[in-house]
Protein backbone atom coordinates (compact mmCIF):
# COMPACT_ATOMS: atom_id res chain seq x y z
CA MET A 1 -1.88 -40.04 63.05
CA PHE A 2 -3.36 -39.75 59.91
CA HIS A 3 -7.07 -39.42 61.55
CA GLY A 4 -5.80 -36.89 63.96
CA ALA A 5 -4.56 -34.50 61.27
CA ASN A 6 -7.70 -35.61 59.28
CA ARG A 7 -9.82 -34.33 62.05
CA CYS A 8 -7.86 -31.35 62.33
CA ALA A 9 -7.51 -30.43 58.91
CA ARG A 10 -11.93 -30.71 58.85
CA ARG A 11 -12.03 -28.43 61.45
CA LEU A 12 -9.91 -25.24 60.10
CA LEU A 13 -11.59 -25.74 56.79
CA GLY A 14 -14.79 -25.54 58.68
CA ARG A 15 -13.75 -22.57 60.35
CA VAL A 16 -12.47 -20.90 57.50
CA SER A 17 -15.68 -21.69 55.48
CA ALA A 18 -17.54 -20.84 58.08
CA GLN A 19 -16.23 -16.75 58.03
CA PRO A 20 -18.14 -14.21 56.34
CA VAL A 21 -15.73 -11.97 55.10
CA TRP A 22 -15.69 -12.84 51.58
CA ARG A 23 -19.64 -12.68 51.10
CA LEU A 24 -19.49 -8.85 52.45
CA PRO A 25 -20.00 -6.40 49.75
CA PRO A 26 -16.84 -4.13 48.88
CA ALA A 27 -17.24 -0.57 50.60
CA ALA A 28 -17.98 2.60 49.00
CA TRP A 29 -14.78 3.80 49.37
CA GLN A 30 -13.02 0.34 47.49
CA VAL A 31 -15.98 0.90 44.81
CA ARG A 32 -14.60 4.09 44.15
CA LEU A 33 -10.96 3.78 44.38
CA MET A 34 -11.28 0.92 41.76
CA GLY A 35 -13.93 3.08 39.61
CA ALA A 36 -11.02 5.79 39.23
CA THR A 37 -8.45 3.55 38.54
CA ALA A 38 -10.16 1.82 36.06
CA ARG A 39 -10.88 5.23 34.35
CA LEU A 40 -7.07 5.25 33.51
CA TRP A 41 -6.38 1.74 33.19
CA PRO A 42 -3.50 2.11 30.70
CA LEU A 43 -1.69 4.47 33.34
CA ALA A 44 -2.53 2.19 36.31
CA VAL A 45 -0.86 -1.03 34.41
CA LEU A 46 2.20 0.59 33.32
CA LEU A 47 2.77 2.43 36.57
CA ALA A 48 2.24 -1.41 38.53
CA GLY A 49 4.47 -3.20 35.67
CA ALA A 50 7.43 -0.26 36.42
CA LEU A 51 6.58 -0.38 39.88
CA LEU A 52 7.05 -4.38 39.65
CA TYR A 53 10.03 -4.89 37.66
CA LEU A 54 12.24 -1.64 36.45
CA PRO A 55 13.49 -1.21 40.55
CA LEU A 56 17.12 -2.65 40.84
CA LEU A 57 17.05 -4.07 37.58
CA GLY A 58 20.94 -4.12 37.13
CA LEU A 59 21.73 -5.19 40.56
CA ARG A 60 22.29 -8.81 39.65
CA PRO A 61 25.32 -9.69 36.92
CA LEU A 62 24.54 -10.90 33.80
CA ARG A 63 23.16 -14.88 33.40
CA PHE A 64 21.88 -17.51 31.29
CA GLU A 65 21.52 -16.19 27.73
CA GLU A 66 21.93 -12.68 28.50
CA GLY A 67 25.85 -12.77 28.60
CA ARG A 68 25.32 -13.87 24.48
CA ARG A 69 23.11 -11.10 24.39
CA ALA A 70 25.03 -8.53 25.48
CA LEU A 71 28.33 -10.10 23.11
CA GLN A 72 25.75 -9.63 19.96
CA VAL A 73 25.38 -6.14 21.06
CA MET A 74 28.90 -5.18 21.35
CA GLU A 75 28.93 -6.45 17.55
CA MET A 76 26.40 -4.21 16.01
CA LEU A 77 28.17 -1.35 18.39
CA ASP A 78 31.64 -1.66 17.08
CA GLY A 79 31.69 -4.05 14.29
CA GLY A 80 28.56 -3.15 12.37
CA ALA A 81 26.80 -6.27 12.46
CA TRP A 82 23.00 -5.02 12.76
CA TRP A 83 21.48 -7.34 10.16
CA ARG A 84 23.17 -10.94 10.60
CA LEU A 85 24.59 -11.18 14.26
CA LYS A 86 27.38 -12.27 15.15
CA VAL A 87 28.93 -13.84 18.70
CA LEU A 88 32.76 -13.52 18.95
CA GLY A 89 33.06 -12.70 15.64
CA GLU A 90 31.25 -15.80 14.34
CA ALA A 91 28.01 -15.89 12.70
CA TYR A 92 25.09 -16.52 15.27
CA VAL A 93 21.32 -17.55 13.33
CA ASN A 94 19.64 -19.05 15.72
CA LYS A 95 17.62 -16.14 17.16
CA PRO A 96 16.69 -12.84 14.93
CA PRO A 97 17.98 -9.71 15.50
CA PHE A 98 14.86 -7.80 17.12
CA THR A 99 16.08 -7.93 20.93
CA PRO A 100 19.55 -6.93 20.28
CA TRP A 101 18.51 -3.76 18.65
CA LEU A 102 16.10 -3.06 21.20
CA MET A 103 19.14 -3.56 23.70
CA ALA A 104 21.68 -1.83 21.49
CA ALA A 105 18.88 1.67 21.43
CA ALA A 106 18.91 0.84 25.14
CA ALA A 107 22.76 1.17 25.40
CA PHE A 108 23.10 4.13 23.40
CA ALA A 109 20.08 6.00 25.46
CA ARG A 110 22.19 5.14 28.85
CA GLY A 111 25.91 5.89 26.83
CA THR A 112 26.74 2.23 28.20
CA LEU A 113 25.98 -0.90 27.82
CA ASP A 114 25.57 -2.49 31.22
CA GLU A 115 22.88 -4.76 33.65
CA THR A 116 19.94 -2.55 32.75
CA ALA A 117 20.69 -1.62 29.25
CA VAL A 118 20.18 -5.60 28.80
CA ARG A 119 17.63 -6.10 30.42
CA LEU A 120 15.73 -2.90 29.87
CA PRO A 121 13.89 -3.81 26.87
CA SER A 122 12.61 -6.70 28.38
CA VAL A 123 10.54 -4.57 30.62
CA LEU A 124 9.43 -2.90 28.27
CA MET A 125 7.97 -5.19 26.17
CA ALA A 126 6.22 -6.56 29.60
CA LEU A 127 4.50 -3.36 29.78
CA ALA A 128 3.38 -3.23 25.69
CA GLY A 129 2.39 -7.21 26.13
CA ALA A 130 0.05 -5.68 29.38
CA LEU A 131 -1.18 -2.78 27.26
CA SER A 132 -2.36 -5.34 24.50
CA ALA A 133 -3.40 -7.43 26.95
CA GLY A 134 -5.95 -4.95 28.40
CA LEU A 135 -6.73 -3.61 25.15
CA ALA A 136 -7.96 -7.15 24.05
CA ALA A 137 -9.83 -7.58 27.07
CA SER A 138 -11.34 -4.13 27.29
CA ARG A 139 -12.62 -4.93 23.69
CA LEU A 140 -14.09 -8.20 24.38
CA ALA A 141 -16.08 -7.38 27.35
CA ALA A 142 -19.56 -7.15 27.43
CA ALA A 143 -19.59 -4.41 30.36
CA GLY A 144 -17.55 -2.83 32.46
CA ARG A 145 -14.80 -2.47 29.33
CA ARG A 146 -12.08 0.03 31.80
CA VAL A 147 -12.26 -2.85 34.62
CA ALA A 148 -11.83 -5.67 32.13
CA GLY A 149 -9.08 -3.59 30.68
CA LEU A 150 -7.43 -3.06 34.50
CA ALA A 151 -7.73 -6.36 34.97
CA GLY A 152 -6.20 -7.49 31.82
CA GLY A 153 -2.93 -5.89 32.15
CA LEU A 154 -2.24 -6.85 35.46
CA ALA A 155 -3.35 -10.36 35.09
CA PHE A 156 -0.76 -10.40 32.35
CA LEU A 157 1.83 -8.40 34.42
CA CYS A 158 1.37 -11.47 37.40
CA GLY A 159 1.86 -14.06 35.05
CA PHE A 160 3.85 -17.24 36.03
CA GLN A 161 6.29 -17.26 33.23
CA ILE A 162 6.38 -12.84 33.01
CA LEU A 163 7.36 -13.20 36.55
CA LEU A 164 10.10 -15.52 35.60
CA LYS A 165 11.24 -13.71 32.43
CA ALA A 166 10.25 -10.13 32.24
CA ARG A 167 13.63 -9.05 34.39
CA ILE A 168 15.98 -11.24 31.89
CA GLY A 169 17.83 -10.10 29.12
CA GLU A 170 15.99 -12.59 26.84
CA THR A 171 14.18 -13.31 23.89
CA ASP A 172 11.08 -14.74 25.26
CA VAL A 173 8.69 -11.63 26.59
CA THR A 174 9.66 -9.84 23.59
CA ALA A 175 8.45 -12.38 21.64
CA THR A 176 5.05 -12.64 23.99
CA ALA A 177 4.56 -9.16 23.91
CA LEU A 178 4.80 -9.10 20.14
CA CYS A 179 2.37 -11.29 19.26
CA GLY A 180 -0.19 -9.83 22.22
CA LEU A 181 0.11 -6.52 20.14
CA ALA A 182 -0.73 -8.76 16.95
CA PHE A 183 -3.51 -10.25 17.79
CA ALA A 184 -4.72 -6.72 19.61
CA ALA A 185 -4.71 -5.43 16.33
CA TRP A 186 -6.22 -8.44 14.73
CA LEU A 187 -8.86 -8.44 17.05
CA ASP A 188 -9.21 -4.21 16.68
CA GLY A 189 -10.27 -4.82 12.81
CA ARG A 190 -12.31 -8.57 13.61
CA LEU A 191 -14.61 -6.09 15.97
CA ARG A 192 -14.97 -3.22 14.05
CA GLY A 193 -16.38 -5.17 11.44
CA GLY A 194 -13.26 -5.90 8.85
CA ILE A 195 -9.95 -6.34 8.94
CA GLY A 196 -7.83 -3.43 6.74
CA PRO A 197 -4.95 -3.03 5.12
CA VAL A 198 -3.55 -0.94 8.16
CA HIS A 199 -4.48 -3.73 10.70
CA TRP A 200 -2.46 -6.20 8.02
CA LEU A 201 0.21 -4.21 8.27
CA LEU A 202 0.15 -3.90 12.18
CA VAL A 203 0.05 -7.44 11.93
CA THR A 204 2.73 -7.79 9.70
CA VAL A 205 5.15 -5.47 11.50
CA PHE A 206 4.75 -6.83 15.00
CA LEU A 207 5.05 -10.81 13.90
CA ALA A 208 8.32 -9.79 11.70
CA CYS A 209 6.21 -10.82 8.57
CA ALA A 210 7.83 -10.93 5.31
CA ALA A 211 5.93 -11.14 1.89
CA LEU A 212 5.31 -14.61 0.60
CA THR A 213 5.30 -13.25 -2.73
CA LYS A 214 7.47 -10.79 -5.09
CA GLY A 215 5.30 -7.39 -4.70
CA LEU A 216 2.31 -9.21 -3.37
CA ALA A 217 1.37 -9.87 -6.69
CA GLY A 218 1.10 -13.52 -6.16
CA GLN A 219 3.29 -14.98 -9.34
CA GLU A 220 6.62 -15.16 -7.62
CA ILE A 221 7.48 -16.35 -4.19
CA ALA A 222 9.85 -14.37 -2.05
CA GLU A 223 13.56 -15.50 -0.92
CA ILE A 224 12.26 -17.21 1.89
CA GLY A 225 15.33 -18.49 2.91
CA LEU A 226 17.06 -15.24 2.84
CA LEU A 227 14.41 -13.20 4.68
CA GLY A 228 14.71 -16.11 7.24
CA GLN A 229 18.01 -15.07 8.13
CA ALA A 230 17.41 -11.70 8.26
CA GLY A 231 14.74 -12.48 11.02
CA ALA A 232 11.36 -13.02 9.07
CA ILE A 233 9.50 -15.57 11.37
CA ALA A 234 6.43 -15.86 8.99
CA PHE A 235 5.29 -15.45 6.09
CA SER A 236 2.27 -13.90 4.09
CA ASN A 237 0.51 -12.11 1.06
CA GLY A 238 -1.73 -9.76 3.28
CA SER A 239 -5.27 -9.69 2.62
CA GLN A 240 -4.54 -10.95 -1.46
CA SER A 241 -5.21 -14.31 -1.43
CA LEU A 242 -3.46 -16.44 -4.01
CA ARG A 243 -4.81 -17.78 -6.58
CA SER A 244 -2.63 -20.41 -8.12
CA SER A 245 -2.76 -23.51 -6.21
CA GLN A 246 0.92 -24.18 -7.94
CA ILE A 247 2.18 -21.38 -6.35
CA MET A 248 0.66 -21.88 -2.99
CA ARG A 249 2.25 -25.31 -3.36
CA ARG A 250 5.37 -24.22 -4.32
CA ALA A 251 5.24 -21.57 -1.11
CA MET A 252 4.30 -24.44 1.62
CA THR A 253 6.94 -26.60 0.16
CA TYR A 254 9.87 -24.03 0.54
CA ALA A 255 8.74 -22.93 3.65
CA ARG A 256 8.53 -26.11 5.18
CA ASP A 257 12.42 -26.71 4.43
CA PHE A 258 13.03 -23.26 6.23
CA ASP A 259 10.76 -24.15 8.90
CA ALA A 260 9.05 -20.92 8.14
CA LEU A 261 5.41 -20.33 9.35
CA VAL A 262 2.87 -19.27 6.57
CA MET A 263 0.00 -17.17 7.52
CA HIS A 264 -2.63 -16.69 4.14
CA TYR A 265 -6.07 -15.55 4.02
CA ALA A 266 -8.33 -18.19 2.55
CA GLU A 267 -10.86 -16.36 0.28
CA ASP A 268 -12.28 -17.40 -3.35
CA ARG A 269 -11.92 -13.93 -4.93
CA ASP A 270 -14.80 -14.57 -7.52
CA MET A 271 -17.27 -16.22 -4.49
CA ALA A 272 -16.70 -13.25 -2.62
CA ARG A 273 -17.50 -10.96 -5.33
CA ALA A 274 -20.42 -12.67 -5.94
């Protein structure tokens, strides 16, 4: 029986491989369609994402952690707990408040807190992540940058985890999209020949990055614990490298105690000026 199945599989695969369909060049209309779509690749990516994730968004009842996020938004709208998240009056410190902020904004725009308002931010952040992936692909491509942007954006939208999470009111897609936007901002500066203050500012905003030292002066470390409770997930001194090894050691030790991420721009200023 096994040998018979093996012979059938070989015959089937042989027939499939013998077909010349995939070796044929694309038709002229296909080339024109791809070129026209690639010229407007950001719009095409947004349209594809909207068609993929927006229809019937509020049809399914809340599930998984969506109910907890909805309770956090209710505490924001009714109780004013905008900075310190609460669930049924109890403090909730496991996640930063950015995603509930987006849900609260969606609820305010819609006039009600429902399933659509809870899930809409994830869809919008998926679209933003797709644009960042397309931008990175277009900047890195040696040729055919518009086609690369289209391919990168569509690849992000069709990623397995994005397909699973984009229609769920959770933080996963939001965090992924913000990391992608931060990378796109960093990459833009790198390809321009220098990562300037604007690029570092964008990275800081997208990653919810707080100052590592007060005033970025490099003299006194910031309140990493309190900033982490407020939602900061990373700490950096921007393009100002710390000269003091002792300050750096204290900051790293303090960050370790709170499981915080430290992003440091390693540079010897005296050697850089030489």
